[in-house]
Amino acid sequence: MGTAAITDDQRMSWEQNGYFILPKFADEATCTTMHERAVELCRKDAAGESIRHSLVDRERNPWPHAREPEDRVSKVFIVHDWDPVFGPFSRDERLVAVLGDLLGPDVDCFLSQFIFKNPGAIGQPWHQDSLYFPFEPADQVGIWLAVTAATPTNGPLSVLPGSHTEPVHEHVPDRRPDANLGYTEIVDTDFSDAIRVLMEVGDLLVFDSHLMHCSSDNVSDGRRAAMVYHYARAGTVDHTYARLREQQDAMGEMPDDVKVAAAAGDAESPYHWMAVRRDGEVIG
């Protein structure tokens, strides 16, 4: 039997709280390269150049002092399965070993997003990622890399420890006129025991997809950037389009192409499933 990739304390936090942090998982050079690559993708997209099937989601509450394309962006989606910077990190041997301890020998990555939280950007309300992932089995793992520090003023995450043991709660659409794509909100829960998660550059938050979490507004004069990947067991069945057909607004506002595919009865997935581990070995 191989050596566990996570410690007993991390395992305990995972089971009791639904998350743990791996400090300084990535070095500053890796984070800088990710940030620069995300900026490059934003500028290519703004110039009408191809960024393949990646999706640039623009900020609905843009920074008044925005000058460059990335200053007006909220997120860049789907970069794990093709990009020369973000792809290799999704299959980092240390990361995949951690995922193996949590999900088993066969693991897929199905979604990625680089987050630009520019000055003035509003926070995302309390939610569970599992709302957006109507899969079987229902447990997935998210990893959140602090590309820049997450400070008290630049819109850090907060989490509700232990909420990962609960089913997916009812979410209502975020009714703020400047809410970003897909923002929904849990309104039936007491969040008085929430913990704010402050992180240094390179820290990695590993969290259960049922964990309730949110972010606050960025009231600083700097950007809070993060890179997020989502993983599931190989063989997971994706019911996203079926859920959207049954309840159009089940997961909040969705991109137009996703809504069209759902209405057409598309049997595929809007997510981009990619093998990262088979029989305990890293793929690619």
C-alpha atoms as a PDB file:
ATOM      1  CA  MET A   1       0.000   0.000   0.000  1.00  0.00           C
ATOM      2  CA  GLY A   2       1.387   3.416  -0.971  1.00  0.00           C
ATOM      3  CA  THR A   3       1.936   6.357   1.354  1.00  0.00           C
ATOM      4  CA  ALA A   4      -1.071   8.628   1.811  1.00  0.00           C
ATOM      5  CA  ALA A   5      -0.814  12.015   0.117  1.00  0.00           C
ATOM      6  CA  ILE A   6      -2.789  13.774   2.852  1.00  0.00           C
ATOM      7  CA  THR A   7      -2.045  13.773   6.562  1.00  0.00           C
ATOM      8  CA  ASP A   8      -4.273  12.446   9.330  1.00  0.00           C
ATOM      9  CA  ASP A   9      -5.124  16.031  10.312  1.00  0.00           C
ATOM     10  CA  GLN A  10      -6.069  16.891   6.739  1.00  0.00           C
ATOM     11  CA  ARG A  11      -8.207  13.778   6.499  1.00  0.00           C
ATOM     12  CA  MET A  12      -9.936  14.714   9.750  1.00  0.00           C
ATOM     13  CA  SER A  13     -10.599  18.242   8.515  1.00  0.00           C
ATOM     14  CA  TRP A  14     -11.953  16.840   5.251  1.00  0.00           C
ATOM     15  CA  GLU A  15     -14.343  14.531   7.049  1.00  0.00           C
ATOM     16  CA  GLN A  16     -15.427  16.997   9.741  1.00  0.00           C
ATOM     17  CA  ASN A  17     -15.263  20.345   7.954  1.00  0.00           C
ATOM     18  CA  GLY A  18     -15.360  19.530   4.239  1.00  0.00           C
ATOM     19  CA  TYR A  19     -12.070  21.219   3.345  1.00  0.00           C
ATOM     20  CA  PHE A  20      -8.389  21.656   4.147  1.00  0.00           C
ATOM     21  CA  ILE A  21      -5.574  23.919   2.958  1.00  0.00           C
ATOM     22  CA  LEU A  22      -2.213  22.904   1.517  1.00  0.00           C
ATOM     23  CA  PRO A  23       0.028  25.925   2.249  1.00  0.00           C
ATOM     24  CA  LYS A  24       2.468  27.031  -0.449  1.00  0.00           C
ATOM     25  CA  PHE A  25       1.455  24.196  -2.749  1.00  0.00           C
ATOM     26  CA  ALA A  26       2.535  26.168  -5.822  1.00  0.00           C
ATOM     27  CA  ASP A  27       5.499  28.515  -6.056  1.00  0.00           C
ATOM     28  CA  GLU A  28       5.172  32.176  -6.967  1.00  0.00           C
ATOM     29  CA  ALA A  29       6.619  31.597 -10.440  1.00  0.00           C
ATOM     30  CA  THR A  30       3.823  29.121 -11.253  1.00  0.00           C
ATOM     31  CA  CYS A  31       1.191  31.571 -10.044  1.00  0.00           C
ATOM     32  CA  THR A  32       2.736  34.427 -12.029  1.00  0.00           C
ATOM     33  CA  THR A  33       2.791  32.296 -15.182  1.00  0.00           C
ATOM     34  CA  MET A  34      -0.884  31.392 -14.704  1.00  0.00           C
ATOM     35  CA  HIS A  35      -1.830  35.028 -14.215  1.00  0.00           C
ATOM     36  CA  GLU A  36       0.087  36.097 -17.315  1.00  0.00           C
ATOM     37  CA  ARG A  37      -1.475  33.320 -19.381  1.00  0.00           C
ATOM     38  CA  ALA A  38      -4.995  34.238 -18.272  1.00  0.00           C
ATOM     39  CA  VAL A  39      -4.331  37.864 -19.236  1.00  0.00           C
ATOM     40  CA  GLU A  40      -3.062  36.679 -22.624  1.00  0.00           C
ATOM     41  CA  LEU A  41      -6.233  34.667 -23.225  1.00  0.00           C
ATOM     42  CA  CYS A  42      -8.413  37.663 -22.350  1.00  0.00           C
ATOM     43  CA  ARG A  43      -6.512  39.873 -24.758  1.00  0.00           C
ATOM     44  CA  LYS A  44      -6.631  37.300 -27.539  1.00  0.00           C
ATOM     45  CA  ASP A  45     -10.376  36.939 -27.094  1.00  0.00           C
ATOM     46  CA  ALA A  46     -10.886  40.712 -27.086  1.00  0.00           C
ATOM     47  CA  ALA A  47      -8.889  40.940 -30.311  1.00  0.00           C
ATOM     48  CA  GLY A  48     -11.081  38.325 -31.979  1.00  0.00           C
ATOM     49  CA  GLU A  49      -8.400  35.635 -31.931  1.00  0.00           C
ATOM     50  CA  SER A  50      -9.264  32.016 -31.185  1.00  0.00           C
ATOM     51  CA  ILE A  51      -8.947  30.677 -27.660  1.00  0.00           C
ATOM     52  CA  ARG A  52     -10.456  27.380 -28.774  1.00  0.00           C
ATOM     53  CA  HIS A  53     -13.441  26.316 -26.668  1.00  0.00           C
ATOM     54  CA  SER A  54     -12.575  28.430 -23.636  1.00  0.00           C
ATOM     55  CA  LEU A  55     -15.203  30.927 -22.537  1.00  0.00           C
ATOM     56  CA  VAL A  56     -14.488  34.463 -21.334  1.00  0.00           C
ATOM     57  CA  ASP A  57     -17.195  35.689 -18.972  1.00  0.00           C
ATOM     58  CA  ARG A  58     -17.214  39.454 -18.638  1.00  0.00           C
ATOM     59  CA  GLU A  59     -17.707  41.241 -15.348  1.00  0.00           C
ATOM     60  CA  ARG A  60     -21.202  42.688 -14.969  1.00  0.00           C
ATOM     61  CA  ASN A  61     -19.936  45.319 -12.523  1.00  0.00           C
ATOM     62  CA  PRO A  62     -16.807  46.537 -14.344  1.00  0.00           C
ATOM     63  CA  TRP A  63     -14.032  48.437 -12.625  1.00  0.00           C
ATOM     64  CA  PRO A  64     -14.382  52.185 -13.419  1.00  0.00           C
ATOM     65  CA  HIS A  65     -10.635  52.437 -13.990  1.00  0.00           C
ATOM     66  CA  ALA A  66     -10.491  49.436 -16.342  1.00  0.00           C
ATOM     67  CA  ARG A  67      -8.097  49.906 -19.268  1.00  0.00           C
ATOM     68  CA  GLU A  68      -7.156  46.426 -20.490  1.00  0.00           C
ATOM     69  CA  PRO A  69      -9.519  43.578 -21.504  1.00  0.00           C
ATOM     70  CA  GLU A  70      -8.688  41.539 -18.379  1.00  0.00           C
ATOM     71  CA  ASP A  71      -9.839  44.447 -16.209  1.00  0.00           C
ATOM     72  CA  ARG A  72     -13.379  43.788 -17.465  1.00  0.00           C
ATOM     73  CA  VAL A  73     -13.372  39.980 -17.077  1.00  0.00           C
ATOM     74  CA  SER A  74     -14.894  37.887 -14.304  1.00  0.00           C
ATOM     75  CA  LYS A  75     -13.756  34.372 -15.302  1.00  0.00           C
ATOM     76  CA  VAL A  76     -12.131  32.372 -18.067  1.00  0.00           C
ATOM     77  CA  PHE A  77     -13.697  28.896 -18.244  1.00  0.00           C
ATOM     78  CA  ILE A  78     -12.449  25.550 -19.620  1.00  0.00           C
ATOM     79  CA  VAL A  79      -8.681  25.724 -19.896  1.00  0.00           C
ATOM     80  CA  HIS A  80      -7.704  22.397 -18.326  1.00  0.00           C
ATOM     81  CA  ASP A  81      -8.013  20.162 -21.383  1.00  0.00           C
ATOM     82  CA  TRP A  82      -5.917  22.063 -23.932  1.00  0.00           C
ATOM     83  CA  ASP A  83      -3.962  24.976 -22.519  1.00  0.00           C
ATOM     84  CA  PRO A  84      -0.157  24.573 -22.198  1.00  0.00           C
ATOM     85  CA  VAL A  85      -0.107  26.324 -18.806  1.00  0.00           C
ATOM     86  CA  PHE A  86      -3.329  25.297 -17.102  1.00  0.00           C
ATOM     87  CA  GLY A  87      -3.443  21.765 -18.493  1.00  0.00           C
ATOM     88  CA  PRO A  88      -0.227  20.443 -16.925  1.00  0.00           C
ATOM     89  CA  PHE A  89      -1.122  21.831 -13.496  1.00  0.00           C
ATOM     90  CA  SER A  90      -4.429  19.931 -13.560  1.00  0.00           C
ATOM     91  CA  ARG A  91      -2.347  16.737 -13.757  1.00  0.00           C
ATOM     92  CA  ASP A  92       0.360  17.736 -11.273  1.00  0.00           C
ATOM     93  CA  GLU A  93       1.538  14.496  -9.634  1.00  0.00           C
ATOM     94  CA  ARG A  94       1.230  15.882  -6.093  1.00  0.00           C
ATOM     95  CA  LEU A  95      -2.246  17.205  -6.791  1.00  0.00           C
ATOM     96  CA  VAL A  96      -3.417  13.995  -8.436  1.00  0.00           C
ATOM     97  CA  ALA A  97      -2.126  12.012  -5.456  1.00  0.00           C
ATOM     98  CA  VAL A  98      -4.272  14.135  -3.130  1.00  0.00           C
ATOM     99  CA  LEU A  99      -7.278  13.595  -5.385  1.00  0.00           C
ATOM    100  CA  GLY A 100      -6.598   9.881  -5.402  1.00  0.00           C
ATOM    101  CA  ASP A 101      -6.767   9.812  -1.601  1.00  0.00           C
ATOM    102  CA  LEU A 102     -10.162  11.507  -1.759  1.00  0.00           C
ATOM    103  CA  LEU A 103     -11.749  10.039  -4.907  1.00  0.00           C
ATOM    104  CA  GLY A 104      -9.970   6.761  -5.590  1.00  0.00           C
ATOM    105  CA  PRO A 105      -7.678   5.400  -8.299  1.00  0.00           C
ATOM    106  CA  ASP A 106      -9.583   6.746 -11.338  1.00  0.00           C
ATOM    107  CA  VAL A 107     -10.145  10.505 -11.489  1.00  0.00           C
ATOM    108  CA  ASP A 108     -11.363  12.978 -14.142  1.00  0.00           C
ATOM    109  CA  CYS A 109     -11.154  16.765 -14.329  1.00  0.00           C
ATOM    110  CA  PHE A 110     -14.334  18.201 -15.839  1.00  0.00           C
ATOM    111  CA  LEU A 111     -14.200  21.970 -15.302  1.00  0.00           C
ATOM    112  CA  SER A 112     -11.690  24.777 -14.776  1.00  0.00           C
ATOM    113  CA  GLN A 113     -11.926  28.512 -14.341  1.00  0.00           C
ATOM    114  CA  PHE A 114      -9.490  31.337 -13.822  1.00  0.00           C
ATOM    115  CA  ILE A 115     -11.077  34.021 -11.643  1.00  0.00           C
ATOM    116  CA  PHE A 116     -10.321  37.722 -12.058  1.00  0.00           C
ATOM    117  CA  LYS A 117     -11.793  39.497  -9.056  1.00  0.00           C
ATOM    118  CA  ASN A 118     -10.954  43.041 -10.014  1.00  0.00           C
ATOM    119  CA  PRO A 119     -11.477  46.082  -7.773  1.00  0.00           C
ATOM    120  CA  GLY A 120     -15.175  46.772  -7.296  1.00  0.00           C
ATOM    121  CA  ALA A 121     -16.300  43.242  -8.224  1.00  0.00           C
ATOM    122  CA  ILE A 122     -19.154  42.012  -6.048  1.00  0.00           C
ATOM    123  CA  GLY A 123     -18.956  38.741  -4.155  1.00  0.00           C
ATOM    124  CA  GLN A 124     -20.630  35.481  -5.091  1.00  0.00           C
ATOM    125  CA  PRO A 125     -23.444  34.573  -2.653  1.00  0.00           C
ATOM    126  CA  TRP A 126     -23.530  31.484  -0.470  1.00  0.00           C
ATOM    127  CA  HIS A 127     -23.818  28.401  -2.670  1.00  0.00           C
ATOM    128  CA  GLN A 128     -22.804  24.770  -3.116  1.00  0.00           C
ATOM    129  CA  ASP A 129     -20.930  23.790  -6.260  1.00  0.00           C
ATOM    130  CA  SER A 130     -22.908  20.550  -6.376  1.00  0.00           C
ATOM    131  CA  LEU A 131     -25.919  22.605  -7.474  1.00  0.00           C
ATOM    132  CA  TYR A 132     -24.156  23.068 -10.822  1.00  0.00           C
ATOM    133  CA  PHE A 133     -23.027  19.436 -11.012  1.00  0.00           C
ATOM    134  CA  PRO A 134     -26.085  17.147 -11.167  1.00  0.00           C
ATOM    135  CA  PHE A 135     -23.938  14.032 -11.339  1.00  0.00           C
ATOM    136  CA  GLU A 136     -23.969  10.442 -10.101  1.00  0.00           C
ATOM    137  CA  PRO A 137     -22.184   9.867  -7.773  1.00  0.00           C
ATOM    138  CA  ALA A 138     -22.855  13.257  -6.243  1.00  0.00           C
ATOM    139  CA  ASP A 139     -19.547  14.044  -4.540  1.00  0.00           C
ATOM    140  CA  GLN A 140     -16.828  15.999  -6.342  1.00  0.00           C
ATOM    141  CA  VAL A 141     -13.663  17.790  -5.253  1.00  0.00           C
ATOM    142  CA  GLY A 142     -12.770  21.390  -5.980  1.00  0.00           C
ATOM    143  CA  ILE A 143      -9.303  22.863  -5.707  1.00  0.00           C
ATOM    144  CA  TRP A 144      -8.832  26.632  -5.405  1.00  0.00           C
ATOM    145  CA  LEU A 145      -5.319  27.990  -5.949  1.00  0.00           C
ATOM    146  CA  ALA A 146      -4.529  31.473  -4.638  1.00  0.00           C
ATOM    147  CA  VAL A 147      -2.748  33.027  -7.632  1.00  0.00           C
ATOM    148  CA  THR A 148      -2.619  36.260  -5.648  1.00  0.00           C
ATOM    149  CA  ALA A 149      -3.109  36.577  -1.904  1.00  0.00           C
ATOM    150  CA  ALA A 150      -6.707  36.448  -0.624  1.00  0.00           C
ATOM    151  CA  THR A 151      -6.846  39.276   1.911  1.00  0.00           C
ATOM    152  CA  PRO A 152      -9.605  40.662   4.163  1.00  0.00           C
ATOM    153  CA  THR A 153     -10.421  43.419   1.651  1.00  0.00           C
ATOM    154  CA  ASN A 154     -10.031  41.894  -1.824  1.00  0.00           C
ATOM    155  CA  GLY A 155     -12.956  39.473  -1.732  1.00  0.00           C
ATOM    156  CA  PRO A 156     -11.751  36.270  -0.053  1.00  0.00           C
ATOM    157  CA  LEU A 157     -13.812  33.123   0.306  1.00  0.00           C
ATOM    158  CA  SER A 158     -15.778  32.210   3.408  1.00  0.00           C
ATOM    159  CA  VAL A 159     -16.858  28.642   4.181  1.00  0.00           C
ATOM    160  CA  LEU A 160     -19.392  27.028   6.508  1.00  0.00           C
ATOM    161  CA  PRO A 161     -17.532  24.107   8.132  1.00  0.00           C
ATOM    162  CA  GLY A 162     -19.500  20.868   8.211  1.00  0.00           C
ATOM    163  CA  SER A 163     -22.048  21.935   5.596  1.00  0.00           C
ATOM    164  CA  HIS A 164     -20.602  19.374   3.162  1.00  0.00           C
ATOM    165  CA  THR A 165     -22.632  16.680   4.930  1.00  0.00           C
ATOM    166  CA  GLU A 166     -25.901  18.295   3.858  1.00  0.00           C
ATOM    167  CA  PRO A 167     -27.782  17.734   0.608  1.00  0.00           C
ATOM    168  CA  VAL A 168     -27.948  20.441  -2.008  1.00  0.00           C
ATOM    169  CA  HIS A 169     -30.126  23.220  -0.613  1.00  0.00           C
ATOM    170  CA  GLU A 170     -32.582  25.273  -2.592  1.00  0.00           C
ATOM    171  CA  HIS A 171     -30.790  28.111  -4.383  1.00  0.00           C
ATOM    172  CA  VAL A 172     -32.528  31.219  -5.673  1.00  0.00           C
ATOM    173  CA  PRO A 173     -31.201  33.442  -8.481  1.00  0.00           C
ATOM    174  CA  ASP A 174     -28.996  36.309  -7.389  1.00  0.00           C
ATOM    175  CA  ARG A 175     -31.325  39.252  -7.978  1.00  0.00           C
ATOM    176  CA  ARG A 176     -28.675  41.973  -7.956  1.00  0.00           C
ATOM    177  CA  PRO A 177     -28.694  43.693 -11.365  1.00  0.00           C
ATOM    178  CA  ASP A 178     -24.906  43.381 -11.621  1.00  0.00           C
ATOM    179  CA  ALA A 179     -24.732  39.702 -10.605  1.00  0.00           C
ATOM    180  CA  ASN A 180     -22.386  37.630 -12.738  1.00  0.00           C
ATOM    181  CA  LEU A 181     -23.156  34.559 -14.834  1.00  0.00           C
ATOM    182  CA  GLY A 182     -24.559  31.659 -12.835  1.00  0.00           C
ATOM    183  CA  TYR A 183     -24.785  33.427  -9.465  1.00  0.00           C
ATOM    184  CA  THR A 184     -27.385  31.813  -7.197  1.00  0.00           C
ATOM    185  CA  GLU A 185     -27.906  32.007  -3.451  1.00  0.00           C
ATOM    186  CA  ILE A 186     -28.820  29.790  -0.493  1.00  0.00           C
ATOM    187  CA  VAL A 187     -31.307  31.647   1.712  1.00  0.00           C
ATOM    188  CA  ASP A 188     -32.462  28.943   4.176  1.00  0.00           C
ATOM    189  CA  THR A 189     -29.303  28.569   6.286  1.00  0.00           C
ATOM    190  CA  ASP A 190     -27.716  30.305   9.268  1.00  0.00           C
ATOM    191  CA  PHE A 191     -24.171  31.319   8.333  1.00  0.00           C
ATOM    192  CA  SER A 192     -23.145  32.762  11.691  1.00  0.00           C
ATOM    193  CA  ASP A 193     -20.500  30.022  12.117  1.00  0.00           C
ATOM    194  CA  ALA A 194     -18.815  30.795   8.805  1.00  0.00           C
ATOM    195  CA  ILE A 195     -15.026  31.115   8.621  1.00  0.00           C
ATOM    196  CA  ARG A 196     -13.209  33.510   6.318  1.00  0.00           C
ATOM    197  CA  VAL A 197     -10.398  31.817   4.373  1.00  0.00           C
ATOM    198  CA  LEU A 198      -7.363  34.088   3.997  1.00  0.00           C
ATOM    199  CA  MET A 199      -4.631  32.672   1.765  1.00  0.00           C
ATOM    200  CA  GLU A 200      -1.111  33.480   0.651  1.00  0.00           C
ATOM    201  CA  VAL A 201       0.126  33.196  -2.923  1.00  0.00           C
ATOM    202  CA  GLY A 202       0.396  29.507  -3.817  1.00  0.00           C
ATOM    203  CA  ASP A 203      -1.872  28.179  -1.064  1.00  0.00           C
ATOM    204  CA  LEU A 204      -4.342  25.532  -2.218  1.00  0.00           C
ATOM    205  CA  LEU A 205      -7.838  25.063  -0.787  1.00  0.00           C
ATOM    206  CA  VAL A 206      -9.229  21.533  -1.291  1.00  0.00           C
ATOM    207  CA  PHE A 207     -12.991  21.381  -0.723  1.00  0.00           C
ATOM    208  CA  ASP A 208     -16.017  19.134  -1.041  1.00  0.00           C
ATOM    209  CA  SER A 209     -18.523  20.161  -3.709  1.00  0.00           C
ATOM    210  CA  HIS A 210     -21.327  20.213  -1.106  1.00  0.00           C
ATOM    211  CA  LEU A 211     -19.462  22.683   1.119  1.00  0.00           C
ATOM    212  CA  MET A 212     -21.328  25.974   1.376  1.00  0.00           C
ATOM    213  CA  HIS A 213     -19.088  28.898   0.498  1.00  0.00           C
ATOM    214  CA  CYS A 214     -19.227  32.466  -0.740  1.00  0.00           C
ATOM    215  CA  SER A 215     -16.971  35.419  -1.456  1.00  0.00           C
ATOM    216  CA  SER A 216     -17.158  39.059  -0.398  1.00  0.00           C
ATOM    217  CA  ASP A 217     -16.855  42.194  -2.500  1.00  0.00           C
ATOM    218  CA  ASN A 218     -13.415  43.370  -3.558  1.00  0.00           C
ATOM    219  CA  VAL A 219     -13.114  46.755  -1.846  1.00  0.00           C
ATOM    220  CA  SER A 220      -9.351  46.952  -2.336  1.00  0.00           C
ATOM    221  CA  ASP A 221      -7.468  48.654  -5.165  1.00  0.00           C
ATOM    222  CA  GLY A 222      -5.938  45.377  -6.390  1.00  0.00           C
ATOM    223  CA  ARG A 223      -6.997  42.184  -8.143  1.00  0.00           C
ATOM    224  CA  ARG A 224      -7.657  38.926  -6.319  1.00  0.00           C
ATOM    225  CA  ALA A 225      -6.894  36.132  -8.790  1.00  0.00           C
ATOM    226  CA  ALA A 226      -7.475  32.410  -8.346  1.00  0.00           C
ATOM    227  CA  MET A 227      -7.401  29.239 -10.434  1.00  0.00           C
ATOM    228  CA  VAL A 228     -10.047  26.609  -9.784  1.00  0.00           C
ATOM    229  CA  TYR A 229     -10.348  23.006 -11.012  1.00  0.00           C
ATOM    230  CA  HIS A 230     -13.143  20.498 -10.359  1.00  0.00           C
ATOM    231  CA  TYR A 231     -12.677  16.721 -10.242  1.00  0.00           C
ATOM    232  CA  ALA A 232     -14.873  13.632 -10.053  1.00  0.00           C
ATOM    233  CA  ARG A 233     -14.537   9.872 -10.113  1.00  0.00           C
ATOM    234  CA  ALA A 234     -14.104   8.367 -13.559  1.00  0.00           C
ATOM    235  CA  GLY A 235     -17.392   6.930 -14.790  1.00  0.00           C
ATOM    236  CA  THR A 236     -19.455   9.683 -13.182  1.00  0.00           C
ATOM    237  CA  VAL A 237     -22.778  10.144 -14.998  1.00  0.00           C
ATOM    238  CA  ASP A 238     -23.502  13.744 -15.969  1.00  0.00           C
ATOM    239  CA  HIS A 239     -27.195  14.751 -15.901  1.00  0.00           C
ATOM    240  CA  THR A 240     -26.663  18.465 -16.566  1.00  0.00           C
ATOM    241  CA  TYR A 241     -28.727  18.736 -19.739  1.00  0.00           C
ATOM    242  CA  ALA A 242     -31.517  16.607 -18.286  1.00  0.00           C
ATOM    243  CA  ARG A 243     -31.648  18.870 -15.220  1.00  0.00           C
ATOM    244  CA  LEU A 244     -31.836  21.965 -17.394  1.00  0.00           C
ATOM    245  CA  ARG A 245     -34.620  20.444 -19.488  1.00  0.00           C
ATOM    246  CA  GLU A 246     -36.590  19.595 -16.362  1.00  0.00           C
ATOM    247  CA  GLN A 247     -36.009  22.971 -14.741  1.00  0.00           C
ATOM    248  CA  GLN A 248     -34.573  25.656 -16.993  1.00  0.00           C
ATOM    249  CA  ASP A 249     -33.346  27.887 -14.191  1.00  0.00           C
ATOM    250  CA  ALA A 250     -32.131  25.092 -11.927  1.00  0.00           C
ATOM    251  CA  MET A 251     -28.513  26.276 -11.957  1.00  0.00           C
ATOM    252  CA  GLY A 252     -28.947  29.980 -12.518  1.00  0.00           C
ATOM    253  CA  GLU A 253     -28.140  31.786 -15.738  1.00  0.00           C
ATOM    254  CA  MET A 254     -26.303  29.551 -18.213  1.00  0.00           C
ATOM    255  CA  PRO A 255     -24.439  30.384 -21.451  1.00  0.00           C
ATOM    256  CA  ASP A 256     -26.668  30.481 -24.524  1.00  0.00           C
ATOM    257  CA  ASP A 257     -25.009  27.470 -26.175  1.00  0.00           C
ATOM    258  CA  VAL A 258     -25.663  25.346 -23.087  1.00  0.00           C
ATOM    259  CA  LYS A 259     -29.340  26.320 -23.073  1.00  0.00           C
ATOM    260  CA  VAL A 260     -29.667  25.549 -26.791  1.00  0.00           C
ATOM    261  CA  ALA A 261     -28.030  22.129 -26.377  1.00  0.00           C
ATOM    262  CA  ALA A 262     -30.256  21.301 -23.419  1.00  0.00           C
ATOM    263  CA  ALA A 263     -33.410  22.231 -25.326  1.00  0.00           C
ATOM    264  CA  ALA A 264     -32.275  20.139 -28.280  1.00  0.00           C
ATOM    265  CA  GLY A 265     -31.977  17.059 -26.097  1.00  0.00           C
ATOM    266  CA  ASP A 266     -28.205  16.856 -26.398  1.00  0.00           C
ATOM    267  CA  ALA A 267     -26.946  13.669 -24.745  1.00  0.00           C
ATOM    268  CA  GLU A 268     -23.414  14.945 -24.251  1.00  0.00           C
ATOM    269  CA  SER A 269     -22.139  17.141 -21.418  1.00  0.00           C
ATOM    270  CA  PRO A 270     -21.467  20.888 -21.324  1.00  0.00           C
ATOM    271  CA  TYR A 271     -18.460  20.050 -19.180  1.00  0.00           C
ATOM    272  CA  HIS A 272     -15.125  18.938 -20.624  1.00  0.00           C
ATOM    273  CA  TRP A 273     -14.264  15.597 -19.056  1.00  0.00           C
ATOM    274  CA  MET A 274     -10.585  14.672 -19.091  1.00  0.00           C
ATOM    275  CA  ALA A 275      -8.864  11.694 -17.486  1.00  0.00           C
ATOM    276  CA  VAL A 276      -6.123  12.653 -15.036  1.00  0.00           C
ATOM    277  CA  ARG A 277      -5.647   9.369 -13.141  1.00  0.00           C
ATOM    278  CA  ARG A 278      -6.189   5.713 -13.989  1.00  0.00           C
ATOM    279  CA  ASP A 279      -5.296   2.753 -11.775  1.00  0.00           C
ATOM    280  CA  GLY A 280      -3.442   5.148  -9.504  1.00  0.00           C
ATOM    281  CA  GLU A 281      -1.223   6.553 -12.275  1.00  0.00           C
ATOM    282  CA  VAL A 282      -1.220  10.100 -13.665  1.00  0.00           C
ATOM    283  CA  ILE A 283      -2.510  10.391 -17.246  1.00  0.00           C
ATOM    284  CA  GLY A 284      -0.643  12.609 -19.683  1.00  0.00           C
END
